[in-house]
């Protein structure tokens, strides 16, 4: 890395130079560096963020500007109030700094990162860690302005903890360097802070003079974010002097300016100043408690970070990494335990719900079966028996005449119907006897006028099928054969059973008179067959037409 490039980084990387950045285009690096360092509103920060993120995506691996772009992104996140995101980026930079071979580059980057980390810890009111980081940054300071900036930052943390003598010491050091650097905005920040500290130490007139000098420089530069800080100091100064009218005036000015800046950090501070003067004491007490809780939460959230940035002790860093890893594992374990418990409870709830549904379904099926059985006995057996009884009562002599044979045939028909009804509603053996029971069903529909033909079925063919699937197959074939007997007048029926891997395929075909598919489904009740096959996640297809018989194919996974 050349000396000229190092000089460029030193100038624009950490503090920026008004001379370098005076003329620029809105697509240049210096333009957006200026937007980050001296932003006027949230749009400046968001536009700069988009620019540097795009640069990171296109830059070559190993390019020294990678660290520079990440540093600016960390500054943006810090100014937006996203301290965790800023810290993560700075940790990445510090890991990459260790890989640099140029010691002077390491010093410049470390100074910048340590100073920014100090600002982040200051925002979270972690005094000890912030001062430690500022001191480390000061050790690496290579210019007068570098030192002045860090002295000023150290004074801020002392001032915020009301250690005004320590704050004054740091600011006097910074003020003594004025002749050696020309950055008016940085001078304004030092004058503003030194003036306020003087007022806290009793030098009110001198302090007010310094604060107003700083405000004038900021107004000349039209830097809203810095002007906001001057208004804040003036509001606090006049409040200390018990001049409520002037204090409220600057509080309102600061709030109005925060709406123009449009960042959550400034808007929150602006509202906080307005609330200081709210007539309701409860609102003021809420503000005080809210600030206290913020400090407590910030400190708790930052406990791991205090060790994370203790760069001087590698052993401590190793312990930190192990601690973080352990905490992450503990959180994962808690998360998995919670999810496991939730799944377990949900499973129990679903099982209970399903059981209740099954009970209701079972009761519904029982009532439906009872109604169907009652209807069948009445419609089919009752009518036939009544007809025979009426015939015998009308002509008893028919028992010994040729009509006696007709009566015997009628009784046989009644017996066959009673047997069929029994098979329809009795329990099916779905265990080892299923093979024989299914064959018995098929054979029961054979007669002198109708021949039933099947292929040979292995004894273990149905072993892998569930009880529900076996029962549904039995009922479906029973329904198909019953419809054949009632409607098709078939003389030949063929049924084949095949298995391809885990798929069972059943084909049915008869040479009956056939019908249109719509009539077959509606009149013969085969819609029930489709419902049964759907219940076992299978499919059934029908093929029929007048005078061309009836075909059906059933498929399901065993």
Protein backbone atom coordinates (compact mmCIF):
# COMPACT_ATOMS: atom_id res chain seq x y z
CA UNK A 1 0.00 0.00 0.00
CA UNK A 2 1.51 3.36 -1.03
CA UNK A 3 1.99 6.37 1.20
CA UNK A 4 -0.43 8.41 -0.91
CA UNK A 5 -3.15 5.79 -0.49
CA UNK A 6 -2.54 5.68 3.27
CA UNK A 7 -2.81 9.45 3.40
CA UNK A 8 -6.12 9.25 1.50
CA UNK A 9 -7.48 6.70 3.95
CA UNK A 10 -6.33 8.70 6.97
CA UNK A 11 -8.02 11.85 5.67
CA UNK A 12 -11.40 10.52 4.54
CA UNK A 13 -11.71 7.23 6.40
CA UNK A 14 -12.00 8.60 9.90
CA UNK A 15 -12.73 12.33 9.93
CA UNK A 16 -13.10 13.49 6.33
CA UNK A 17 -11.70 16.61 4.75
CA UNK A 18 -13.76 19.57 3.65
CA UNK A 19 -11.20 20.39 0.95
CA UNK A 20 -11.24 16.89 -0.49
CA UNK A 21 -15.00 16.60 -0.36
CA UNK A 22 -15.91 20.10 -1.51
CA UNK A 23 -16.42 19.09 -5.15
CA UNK A 24 -18.05 15.70 -5.71
CA UNK A 25 -20.58 13.74 -7.69
CA UNK A 26 -23.44 11.88 -6.10
CA UNK A 27 -22.02 8.54 -7.21
CA UNK A 28 -18.56 9.02 -5.64
CA UNK A 29 -17.16 7.51 -2.45
CA UNK A 30 -16.17 10.88 -0.89
CA UNK A 31 -19.71 12.21 -1.49
CA UNK A 32 -21.29 9.43 0.57
CA UNK A 33 -18.55 9.52 3.21
CA UNK A 34 -19.53 13.15 3.80
CA UNK A 35 -23.20 12.10 4.04
CA UNK A 36 -22.28 9.59 6.75
CA UNK A 37 -20.07 11.90 8.78
CA UNK A 38 -22.25 15.03 8.51
CA UNK A 39 -25.74 13.74 7.71
CA UNK A 40 -28.61 16.19 7.75
CA UNK A 41 -31.51 13.74 7.79
CA UNK A 42 -32.30 10.05 7.66
CA UNK A 43 -32.39 10.09 3.84
CA UNK A 44 -28.67 10.91 3.79
CA UNK A 45 -27.97 7.82 5.91
CA UNK A 46 -30.25 5.48 3.96
CA UNK A 47 -28.88 6.60 0.59
CA UNK A 48 -25.32 6.16 1.84
CA UNK A 49 -26.21 2.71 3.20
CA UNK A 50 -27.57 1.62 -0.18
CA UNK A 51 -24.42 2.93 -1.88
CA UNK A 52 -21.92 1.15 0.40
CA UNK A 53 -23.89 -2.11 0.42
CA UNK A 54 -23.85 -2.09 -3.38
CA UNK A 55 -20.10 -1.40 -3.35
CA UNK A 56 -19.48 -4.36 -1.03
CA UNK A 57 -21.31 -6.70 -3.42
CA UNK A 58 -19.19 -5.71 -6.41
CA UNK A 59 -15.75 -5.20 -4.83
CA UNK A 60 -13.08 -7.83 -5.34
CA UNK A 61 -12.14 -10.07 -2.44
CA UNK A 62 -9.11 -8.73 -0.58
CA UNK A 63 -9.55 -5.15 -1.75
CA UNK A 64 -8.55 -2.81 1.14
CA UNK A 65 -11.65 -0.71 0.52
CA UNK A 66 -13.77 -3.61 1.89
CA UNK A 67 -12.91 -2.58 5.45
CA UNK A 68 -13.53 1.06 4.59
CA UNK A 69 -17.02 0.36 3.25
CA UNK A 70 -17.88 -1.81 6.25
CA UNK A 71 -16.70 0.92 8.62
CA UNK A 72 -19.01 3.45 6.96
CA UNK A 73 -21.92 0.99 7.16
CA UNK A 74 -21.20 0.53 10.89
CA UNK A 75 -21.25 4.33 11.31
CA UNK A 76 -24.61 4.47 9.53
CA UNK A 77 -26.12 1.75 11.75
CA UNK A 78 -24.82 3.54 14.85
CA UNK A 79 -26.37 6.86 13.73
CA UNK A 80 -29.68 5.06 13.04
CA UNK A 81 -29.60 3.65 16.58
CA UNK A 82 -28.96 0.06 15.44
CA UNK A 83 -26.12 -0.60 17.89
CA UNK A 84 -26.11 -4.41 17.61
CA UNK A 85 -25.78 -4.30 13.81
CA UNK A 86 -23.00 -1.70 14.15
CA UNK A 87 -21.09 -3.85 16.64
CA UNK A 88 -21.38 -6.95 14.44
CA UNK A 89 -19.86 -5.07 11.50
CA UNK A 90 -17.05 -3.72 13.67
CA UNK A 91 -16.25 -7.21 14.98
CA UNK A 92 -15.96 -8.37 11.36
CA UNK A 93 -13.58 -5.48 10.61
CA UNK A 94 -11.40 -6.27 13.63
CA UNK A 95 -11.03 -9.91 12.55
CA UNK A 96 -9.98 -8.77 9.08
CA UNK A 97 -7.56 -6.17 10.49
CA UNK A 98 -5.54 -9.00 12.04
CA UNK A 99 -4.87 -10.29 8.52
CA UNK A 100 -3.36 -7.01 7.28
CA UNK A 101 0.41 -7.11 6.72
CA UNK A 102 0.88 -3.32 6.78
CA UNK A 103 1.25 -2.22 10.42
CA UNK A 104 0.42 1.44 9.66
CA UNK A 105 -2.86 0.38 8.05
CA UNK A 106 -3.70 -1.70 11.10
CA UNK A 107 -3.15 1.31 13.36
CA UNK A 108 -5.42 3.55 11.29
CA UNK A 109 -8.24 1.00 11.13
CA UNK A 110 -7.94 0.08 14.81
CA UNK A 111 -8.07 3.76 15.82
CA UNK A 112 -11.25 4.31 13.81
CA UNK A 113 -12.98 1.14 14.96
CA UNK A 114 -12.06 1.62 18.63
CA UNK A 115 -13.32 5.20 18.58
CA UNK A 116 -16.62 4.18 17.00
CA UNK A 117 -17.02 1.33 19.49
CA UNK A 118 -16.41 3.85 22.26
CA UNK A 119 -19.25 5.97 20.86
CA UNK A 120 -21.56 2.94 20.82
CA UNK A 121 -20.76 2.05 24.43
CA UNK A 122 -21.21 5.68 25.39
CA UNK A 123 -24.68 5.69 23.80
CA UNK A 124 -25.47 2.63 25.95
CA UNK A 125 -24.01 4.39 29.03
CA UNK A 126 -21.24 1.87 29.61
CA UNK A 127 -18.73 4.35 31.00
CA UNK A 128 -15.78 2.08 31.87
CA UNK A 129 -15.70 0.26 28.55
CA UNK A 130 -16.21 3.45 26.54
CA UNK A 131 -13.28 5.21 28.25
CA UNK A 132 -11.07 2.14 27.82
CA UNK A 133 -11.81 2.06 24.08
CA UNK A 134 -11.22 5.82 23.71
CA UNK A 135 -7.83 5.47 25.45
CA UNK A 136 -6.83 2.69 23.06
CA UNK A 137 -7.95 4.77 20.11
CA UNK A 138 -5.94 7.73 21.44
CA UNK A 139 -2.80 5.58 21.54
CA UNK A 140 -3.19 5.04 17.80
CA UNK A 141 -4.05 8.67 16.93
CA UNK A 142 -1.76 9.92 14.17
CA UNK A 143 -3.02 13.50 13.68
CA UNK A 144 -3.94 16.53 15.77
CA UNK A 145 -7.57 16.31 14.71
CA UNK A 146 -7.67 12.60 15.58
CA UNK A 147 -6.58 13.45 19.12
CA UNK A 148 -9.03 16.37 19.43
CA UNK A 149 -11.96 14.17 18.36
CA UNK A 150 -11.10 11.45 20.88
CA UNK A 151 -10.56 13.98 23.72
CA UNK A 152 -14.02 15.39 22.95
CA UNK A 153 -15.59 11.93 22.91
CA UNK A 154 -14.02 11.08 26.28
CA UNK A 155 -15.38 14.32 27.73
CA UNK A 156 -18.90 13.38 26.65
CA UNK A 157 -18.95 10.19 28.71
CA UNK A 158 -17.56 12.04 31.77
CA UNK A 159 -20.10 14.84 31.32
CA UNK A 160 -23.01 12.41 31.02
CA UNK A 161 -21.92 10.81 34.33
CA UNK A 162 -21.62 14.31 35.87
CA UNK A 163 -17.85 14.08 36.30
CA UNK A 164 -17.41 17.66 35.13
CA UNK A 165 -13.79 18.19 36.22
CA UNK A 166 -12.66 15.15 34.23
CA UNK A 167 -14.77 16.34 31.29
CA UNK A 168 -13.17 19.81 31.49
CA UNK A 169 -9.67 18.30 31.48
CA UNK A 170 -10.33 16.38 28.26
CA UNK A 171 -11.99 19.38 26.56
CA UNK A 172 -9.18 21.79 27.50
CA UNK A 173 -6.75 19.35 25.84
CA UNK A 174 -8.93 19.36 22.72
CA UNK A 175 -9.34 23.17 22.78
CA UNK A 176 -5.57 23.68 22.96
CA UNK A 177 -5.24 21.92 19.60
CA UNK A 178 -7.50 24.41 17.71
CA UNK A 179 -4.59 26.26 16.04
CA UNK A 180 -3.40 22.98 14.51
CA UNK A 181 -6.56 21.92 12.66
CA UNK A 182 -9.23 23.81 10.71
CA UNK A 183 -12.34 21.60 10.86
CA UNK A 184 -14.94 24.15 12.08
CA UNK A 185 -17.60 21.51 12.79
CA UNK A 186 -15.26 19.62 15.07
CA UNK A 187 -14.29 22.90 16.74
CA UNK A 188 -18.00 23.68 17.21
CA UNK A 189 -18.54 20.34 18.97
CA UNK A 190 -15.67 21.01 21.35
CA UNK A 191 -16.83 24.60 22.07
CA UNK A 192 -20.39 23.38 22.71
CA UNK A 193 -19.30 20.71 25.19
CA UNK A 194 -16.69 22.89 26.91
CA UNK A 195 -19.22 25.72 27.31
CA UNK A 196 -21.79 23.45 28.93
CA UNK A 197 -19.18 21.98 31.30
CA UNK A 198 -18.13 25.52 32.32
CA UNK A 199 -21.76 26.31 33.23
CA UNK A 200 -21.91 23.18 35.37
CA UNK A 201 -18.75 24.32 37.17
CA UNK A 202 -20.20 27.80 37.84
CA UNK A 203 -18.72 29.84 34.97
CA UNK A 204 -22.10 30.65 33.43
CA UNK A 205 -21.20 33.67 31.29
CA UNK A 206 -18.07 32.04 29.83
CA UNK A 207 -19.93 28.78 29.30
CA UNK A 208 -22.88 30.46 27.51
CA UNK A 209 -20.43 32.34 25.28
CA UNK A 210 -18.73 29.09 24.21
CA UNK A 211 -22.08 27.35 23.55
CA UNK A 212 -23.27 30.23 21.34
CA UNK A 213 -19.93 30.31 19.47
CA UNK A 214 -20.38 26.61 18.71
CA UNK A 215 -24.00 27.21 17.59
CA UNK A 216 -22.87 29.98 15.22
CA UNK A 217 -20.31 27.70 13.53
CA UNK A 218 -22.94 24.98 13.15
CA UNK A 219 -25.52 27.35 11.70
CA UNK A 220 -22.94 28.63 9.20
CA UNK A 221 -22.34 25.01 8.13
CA UNK A 222 -26.12 24.30 8.08
CA UNK A 223 -25.63 21.03 9.96
CA UNK A 224 -29.02 20.21 11.50
CA UNK A 225 -27.78 17.30 13.57
CA UNK A 226 -25.09 19.46 15.19
CA UNK A 227 -27.46 22.41 15.64
CA UNK A 228 -29.80 19.99 17.47
CA UNK A 229 -26.99 19.30 19.97
CA UNK A 230 -26.53 23.06 20.58
CA UNK A 231 -30.27 23.50 21.20
CA UNK A 232 -30.13 20.60 23.63
CA UNK A 233 -27.26 22.22 25.59
CA UNK A 234 -29.08 25.58 25.69
CA UNK A 235 -32.27 23.88 26.88
CA UNK A 236 -30.35 22.19 29.72
CA UNK A 237 -28.45 25.38 30.56
CA UNK A 238 -31.59 27.52 30.91
CA UNK A 239 -33.33 24.77 32.85
CA UNK A 240 -30.43 24.77 35.32
CA UNK A 241 -30.87 28.56 35.57
CA UNK A 242 -34.63 27.95 36.24
CA UNK A 243 -35.50 30.01 33.16
CA UNK A 244 -38.37 27.81 31.98
CA UNK A 245 -39.49 30.05 29.12
CA UNK A 246 -36.06 29.99 27.41
CA UNK A 247 -35.58 26.31 28.24
CA UNK A 248 -38.94 25.44 26.62
CA UNK A 249 -38.04 27.60 23.62
CA UNK A 250 -34.92 25.57 22.84
CA UNK A 251 -36.68 22.28 23.65
CA UNK A 252 -39.32 23.10 21.01
CA UNK A 253 -36.62 24.17 18.55
CA UNK A 254 -34.80 20.89 19.10
CA UNK A 255 -38.02 18.89 18.65
CA UNK A 256 -38.94 20.73 15.42
CA UNK A 257 -35.44 20.07 14.10
CA UNK A 258 -35.69 16.37 15.01
CA UNK A 259 -38.77 16.10 12.78
CA UNK A 260 -36.71 17.56 9.94
CA UNK A 261 -33.80 15.16 10.57
CA UNK A 262 -36.25 12.20 10.69
CA UNK A 263 -34.15 9.61 12.50
CA UNK A 264 -35.62 7.66 15.45
CA UNK A 265 -32.66 8.59 17.69
CA UNK A 266 -33.17 12.35 17.23
CA UNK A 267 -36.98 12.17 17.36
CA UNK A 268 -36.82 10.23 20.64
CA UNK A 269 -34.44 12.80 22.13
CA UNK A 270 -36.62 15.68 20.89
CA UNK A 271 -39.76 14.19 22.42
CA UNK A 272 -37.88 13.54 25.65
CA UNK A 273 -37.01 17.24 25.94
CA UNK A 274 -40.65 18.25 25.36
CA UNK A 275 -41.81 15.80 28.05
CA UNK A 276 -39.51 17.49 30.59
CA UNK A 277 -42.00 20.39 30.65
CA UNK A 278 -45.25 18.44 30.61
CA UNK A 279 -47.71 19.80 33.22
CA UNK A 280 -48.66 16.30 34.38
CA UNK A 281 -46.11 15.05 36.90
CA UNK A 282 -47.00 11.46 35.99
CA UNK A 283 -45.75 12.04 32.44
CA UNK A 284 -42.48 13.48 33.74
CA UNK A 285 -42.10 10.54 36.11
CA UNK A 286 -42.77 8.14 33.21
CA UNK A 287 -39.99 9.85 31.24
CA UNK A 288 -37.59 9.45 34.18
CA UNK A 289 -38.48 5.77 34.66
CA UNK A 290 -38.26 5.11 30.92
CA UNK A 291 -34.75 6.57 30.81
CA UNK A 292 -33.72 4.47 33.82
CA UNK A 293 -35.09 1.28 32.30
CA UNK A 294 -33.32 2.04 29.02
CA UNK A 295 -30.00 2.33 30.83
CA UNK A 296 -30.57 -0.94 32.71
CA UNK A 297 -31.56 -2.83 29.55
CA UNK A 298 -28.68 -1.36 27.57
CA UNK A 299 -26.24 -2.49 30.25
CA UNK A 300 -27.73 -6.01 30.43
CA UNK A 301 -27.72 -6.39 26.64
CA UNK A 302 -24.12 -5.28 26.56
CA UNK A 303 -22.63 -7.65 29.14
CA UNK A 304 -21.32 -10.10 26.58
CA UNK A 305 -20.15 -7.26 24.34
CA UNK A 306 -17.88 -5.85 27.09
CA UNK A 307 -15.82 -9.02 26.91
CA UNK A 308 -16.19 -9.33 23.16
CA UNK A 309 -14.26 -6.11 22.61
CA UNK A 310 -11.53 -6.73 25.14
CA UNK A 311 -8.96 -7.18 22.41
CA UNK A 312 -5.89 -7.08 24.59
CA UNK A 313 -6.67 -10.41 26.22
CA UNK A 314 -6.93 -13.29 23.76
CA UNK A 315 -7.68 -15.74 26.54
CA UNK A 316 -10.71 -13.70 27.56
CA UNK A 317 -11.87 -13.61 23.95
CA UNK A 318 -11.67 -17.42 23.78
CA UNK A 319 -13.71 -17.67 26.99
CA UNK A 320 -16.24 -15.24 25.54
CA UNK A 321 -16.63 -17.26 22.35
CA UNK A 322 -17.14 -20.43 24.40
CA UNK A 323 -19.66 -18.65 26.64
CA UNK A 324 -21.57 -17.33 23.64
CA UNK A 325 -21.56 -20.79 22.06
CA UNK A 326 -22.83 -22.35 25.31
CA UNK A 327 -25.58 -19.74 25.60
CA UNK A 328 -26.60 -20.35 22.00
CA UNK A 329 -26.74 -24.10 22.64
CA UNK A 330 -28.79 -23.52 25.80
CA UNK A 331 -31.20 -21.30 23.86
CA UNK A 332 -31.47 -23.91 21.12
CA UNK A 333 -32.11 -26.62 23.73
CA UNK A 334 -34.83 -24.49 25.34
CA UNK A 335 -36.33 -23.78 21.94
CA UNK A 336 -36.34 -27.45 20.98
CA UNK A 337 -37.78 -28.40 24.37
CA UNK A 338 -40.53 -25.82 23.93
CA UNK A 339 -41.28 -26.97 20.39
CA UNK A 340 -41.20 -30.61 21.50
CA UNK A 341 -43.63 -29.89 24.32
CA UNK A 342 -45.87 -27.94 21.99
CA UNK A 343 -45.86 -30.78 19.44
CA UNK A 344 -46.54 -33.34 22.20
CA UNK A 345 -49.48 -31.35 23.59
CA UNK A 346 -50.81 -30.76 20.07
CA UNK A 347 -50.50 -34.49 19.30
CA UNK A 348 -52.43 -35.42 22.44
CA UNK A 349 -55.11 -32.87 21.59
CA UNK A 350 -55.39 -34.19 18.02
CA UNK A 351 -55.56 -37.81 19.22
CA UNK A 352 -58.35 -36.96 21.66
CA UNK A 353 -60.13 -34.95 18.97
CA UNK A 354 -59.78 -37.78 16.46
CA UNK A 355 -61.03 -40.34 18.97
CA UNK A 356 -64.10 -38.23 19.66
CA UNK A 357 -64.66 -37.87 15.94
CA UNK A 358 -64.27 -41.63 15.47
CA UNK A 359 -66.75 -42.27 18.27
CA UNK A 360 -69.27 -39.95 16.68
CA UNK A 361 -68.60 -41.51 13.28
CA UNK A 362 -68.97 -45.02 14.72
CA UNK A 363 -72.29 -44.17 16.37
CA UNK A 364 -73.50 -42.59 13.15
CA UNK A 365 -72.50 -45.70 11.19
CA UNK A 366 -74.22 -47.96 13.71
CA UNK A 367 -77.45 -45.99 13.45
CA UNK A 368 -77.16 -45.95 9.65
CA UNK A 369 -76.55 -49.71 9.57
CA UNK A 370 -79.53 -50.34 11.81
CA UNK A 371 -81.75 -48.22 9.55
CA UNK A 372 -80.49 -49.94 6.40
CA UNK A 373 -80.88 -53.40 7.92
CA UNK A 374 -84.39 -52.62 9.06
CA UNK A 375 -85.29 -51.30 5.61
CA UNK A 376 -83.80 -54.34 3.82
CA UNK A 377 -85.57 -56.83 6.08
CA UNK A 378 -88.85 -55.00 5.59
CA UNK A 379 -88.57 -54.34 1.85
CA UNK A 380 -86.97 -57.57 0.67
CA UNK A 381 -87.75 -60.35 3.16
CA UNK A 382 -90.97 -58.98 4.62
CA UNK A 383 -92.67 -58.47 1.25
CA UNK A 384 -91.63 -61.91 -0.02
CA UNK A 385 -92.77 -63.68 3.15
CA UNK A 386 -96.10 -61.79 3.08
CA UNK A 387 -96.62 -62.81 -0.57
CA UNK A 388 -96.02 -66.54 0.21
CA UNK A 389 -98.22 -66.45 3.32
CA UNK A 390 -101.01 -64.81 1.38
CA UNK A 391 -100.72 -67.42 -1.40
CA UNK A 392 -100.90 -70.32 1.06
CA UNK A 393 -103.86 -68.80 2.94
CA UNK A 394 -105.74 -68.20 -0.30
CA UNK A 395 -105.11 -71.72 -1.72
CA UNK A 396 -103.76 -74.24 0.86
CA UNK A 397 -104.09 -77.04 -1.71
CA UNK A 398 -101.30 -75.42 -3.73
CA UNK A 399 -98.77 -76.98 -1.34
CA UNK A 400 -99.43 -80.44 -2.82
CA UNK A 401 -100.04 -79.31 -6.34
CA UNK A 402 -97.63 -78.09 -8.98
CA UNK A 403 -97.67 -74.61 -7.39
CA UNK A 404 -95.93 -76.18 -4.38
CA UNK A 405 -92.66 -76.14 -6.30
CA UNK A 406 -93.02 -72.40 -6.86
CA UNK A 407 -93.55 -71.89 -3.14
CA UNK A 408 -90.42 -73.90 -2.35
CA UNK A 409 -88.44 -71.79 -4.84
CA UNK A 410 -89.81 -68.67 -3.18
CA UNK A 411 -88.66 -69.93 0.22
CA UNK A 412 -85.21 -70.62 -1.26
CA UNK A 413 -85.06 -67.08 -2.62
CA UNK A 414 -85.94 -65.74 0.82
CA UNK A 415 -83.14 -67.85 2.32
CA UNK A 416 -80.60 -66.52 -0.22
CA UNK A 417 -81.64 -62.93 0.49
CA UNK A 418 -81.40 -63.50 4.24
CA UNK A 419 -77.89 -64.96 3.76
CA UNK A 420 -76.84 -61.96 1.65
CA UNK A 421 -78.16 -59.52 4.23
CA UNK A 422 -76.25 -61.43 6.91
CA UNK A 423 -73.04 -61.20 4.92
CA UNK A 424 -73.57 -57.49 4.37
CA UNK A 425 -73.92 -56.58 8.03
CA UNK A 426 -71.89 -59.21 9.88
CA UNK A 427 -68.30 -58.65 11.05
CA UNK A 428 -65.59 -59.56 8.57
CA UNK A 429 -62.58 -61.63 9.60
CA UNK A 430 -59.71 -59.35 8.58
CA UNK A 431 -56.96 -61.49 10.12
CA UNK A 432 -55.69 -64.91 8.93
CA UNK A 433 -59.15 -66.01 7.79
CA UNK A 434 -59.59 -63.05 5.40
CA UNK A 435 -58.32 -64.98 2.36
CA UNK A 436 -60.93 -67.70 2.78
CA UNK A 437 -63.71 -65.26 3.72
CA UNK A 438 -63.11 -63.21 0.54
CA UNK A 439 -63.19 -66.33 -1.67
CA UNK A 440 -66.36 -67.46 0.12
CA UNK A 441 -67.95 -64.09 -0.73
CA UNK A 442 -67.07 -64.44 -4.43
CA UNK A 443 -68.32 -68.03 -4.61
CA UNK A 444 -71.60 -67.15 -2.90
CA UNK A 445 -72.63 -65.08 -5.92
CA UNK A 446 -72.05 -67.93 -8.35
CA UNK A 447 -74.97 -69.98 -9.61
CA UNK A 448 -76.07 -72.17 -12.52
CA UNK A 449 -76.76 -69.03 -14.53
CA UNK A 450 -73.75 -66.96 -13.38
CA UNK A 451 -70.16 -68.20 -13.30
CA UNK A 452 -67.58 -66.35 -11.12
CA UNK A 453 -63.94 -66.71 -12.28
CA UNK A 454 -60.88 -65.49 -10.31
CA UNK A 455 -57.13 -65.92 -10.55
CA UNK A 456 -55.21 -67.81 -7.89
CA UNK A 457 -54.48 -65.62 -4.86
CA UNK A 458 -51.44 -66.36 -2.67
CA UNK A 459 -52.18 -67.07 1.00
CA UNK A 460 -49.99 -64.12 2.11
CA UNK A 461 -51.34 -61.71 -0.53
CA UNK A 462 -53.24 -59.63 2.05
CA UNK A 463 -50.74 -59.79 4.93
CA UNK A 464 -49.40 -56.26 4.46
CA UNK A 465 -52.80 -54.61 3.97
CA UNK A 466 -54.47 -52.90 6.94
CA UNK A 467 -57.73 -54.12 8.44
CA UNK A 468 -59.57 -51.08 7.13
CA UNK A 469 -58.37 -51.69 3.57
CA UNK A 470 -59.32 -55.37 3.72
CA UNK A 471 -62.82 -54.53 4.98
CA UNK A 472 -63.36 -51.86 2.33
CA UNK A 473 -62.22 -54.21 -0.47
CA UNK A 474 -64.62 -56.86 0.81
CA UNK A 475 -67.55 -54.39 0.91
CA UNK A 476 -66.73 -52.92 -2.50
CA UNK A 477 -66.61 -56.35 -4.18
CA UNK A 478 -69.81 -57.30 -2.36
CA UNK A 479 -71.48 -54.13 -3.72
CA UNK A 480 -70.25 -54.79 -7.27
CA UNK A 481 -71.47 -58.41 -7.21
CA UNK A 482 -74.81 -57.43 -5.65
CA UNK A 483 -75.39 -54.89 -8.42
CA UNK A 484 -74.41 -57.52 -10.98
CA UNK A 485 -76.95 -59.93 -9.52
CA UNK A 486 -79.74 -57.37 -9.43
CA UNK A 487 -79.24 -55.45 -12.64
CA UNK A 488 -76.76 -56.79 -15.18
CA UNK A 489 -78.04 -60.35 -15.90
CA UNK A 490 -74.40 -61.37 -16.44
CA UNK A 491 -73.57 -65.02 -17.14
CA UNK A 492 -69.81 -64.59 -16.62
CA UNK A 493 -67.90 -62.48 -14.08
CA UNK A 494 -64.08 -62.23 -13.93
CA UNK A 495 -62.19 -60.82 -10.93
CA UNK A 496 -58.36 -60.66 -10.79
CA UNK A 497 -56.04 -59.62 -7.98
CA UNK A 498 -52.46 -58.50 -8.72
CA UNK A 499 -49.72 -56.78 -6.75
CA UNK A 500 -47.02 -54.53 -8.27
CA UNK A 501 -44.50 -53.58 -5.58
CA UNK A 502 -46.73 -52.00 -2.89
CA UNK A 503 -49.70 -51.35 -5.19
CA UNK A 504 -52.70 -53.71 -5.20
CA UNK A 505 -54.78 -53.76 -8.40
CA UNK A 506 -58.22 -55.40 -8.56
CA UNK A 507 -60.01 -55.73 -11.91
CA UNK A 508 -63.68 -56.63 -12.26
CA UNK A 509 -65.45 -57.40 -15.55
CA UNK A 510 -68.81 -58.95 -16.44
CA UNK A 511 -70.71 -59.62 -19.68
CA UNK A 512 -74.00 -58.19 -18.46
CA UNK A 513 -76.31 -55.84 -20.31
CA UNK A 514 -74.35 -52.74 -19.17
CA UNK A 515 -75.72 -49.21 -18.88
CA UNK A 516 -74.66 -45.59 -19.12
CA UNK A 517 -72.13 -44.59 -16.45
CA UNK A 518 -74.47 -41.98 -14.96
CA UNK A 519 -77.32 -44.48 -14.61
CA UNK A 520 -74.96 -47.07 -13.16
CA UNK A 521 -73.79 -44.72 -10.43
CA UNK A 522 -77.17 -43.24 -9.59
CA UNK A 523 -79.49 -46.21 -9.88
CA UNK A 524 -77.19 -48.96 -8.68
CA UNK A 525 -75.71 -47.01 -5.78
CA UNK A 526 -72.09 -47.34 -6.88
CA UNK A 527 -71.32 -43.87 -5.53
CA UNK A 528 -70.88 -45.65 -2.18
CA UNK A 529 -68.17 -47.76 -3.79
CA UNK A 530 -66.24 -44.64 -4.79
CA UNK A 531 -66.54 -43.27 -1.24
CA UNK A 532 -65.19 -46.49 0.28
CA UNK A 533 -62.15 -46.54 -2.04
CA UNK A 534 -61.47 -42.84 -1.38
CA UNK A 535 -61.48 -43.64 2.36
CA UNK A 536 -58.38 -45.84 1.86
CA UNK A 537 -56.71 -43.28 -0.44
CA UNK A 538 -57.30 -45.43 -3.49
CA UNK A 539 -58.89 -44.93 -6.91
CA UNK A 540 -61.64 -46.74 -8.78
CA UNK A 541 -62.60 -46.34 -12.44
CA UNK A 542 -65.75 -47.60 -14.18
CA UNK A 543 -66.27 -48.47 -17.82
CA UNK A 544 -69.72 -49.44 -19.06
CA UNK A 545 -72.16 -48.90 -21.90
CA UNK A 546 -75.45 -50.54 -22.98
CA UNK A 547 -74.98 -54.17 -24.15
CA UNK A 548 -71.21 -54.07 -23.51
CA UNK A 549 -71.04 -55.23 -19.90
CA UNK A 550 -69.43 -53.53 -16.95
CA UNK A 551 -65.75 -53.04 -15.97
CA UNK A 552 -64.13 -51.60 -12.87
CA UNK A 553 -60.50 -51.20 -11.77
CA UNK A 554 -59.45 -50.54 -8.19
CA UNK A 555 -55.96 -49.34 -7.16
CA UNK A 556 -54.54 -48.61 -3.72
CA UNK A 557 -51.31 -48.92 -1.75
CA UNK A 558 -51.32 -51.91 0.58
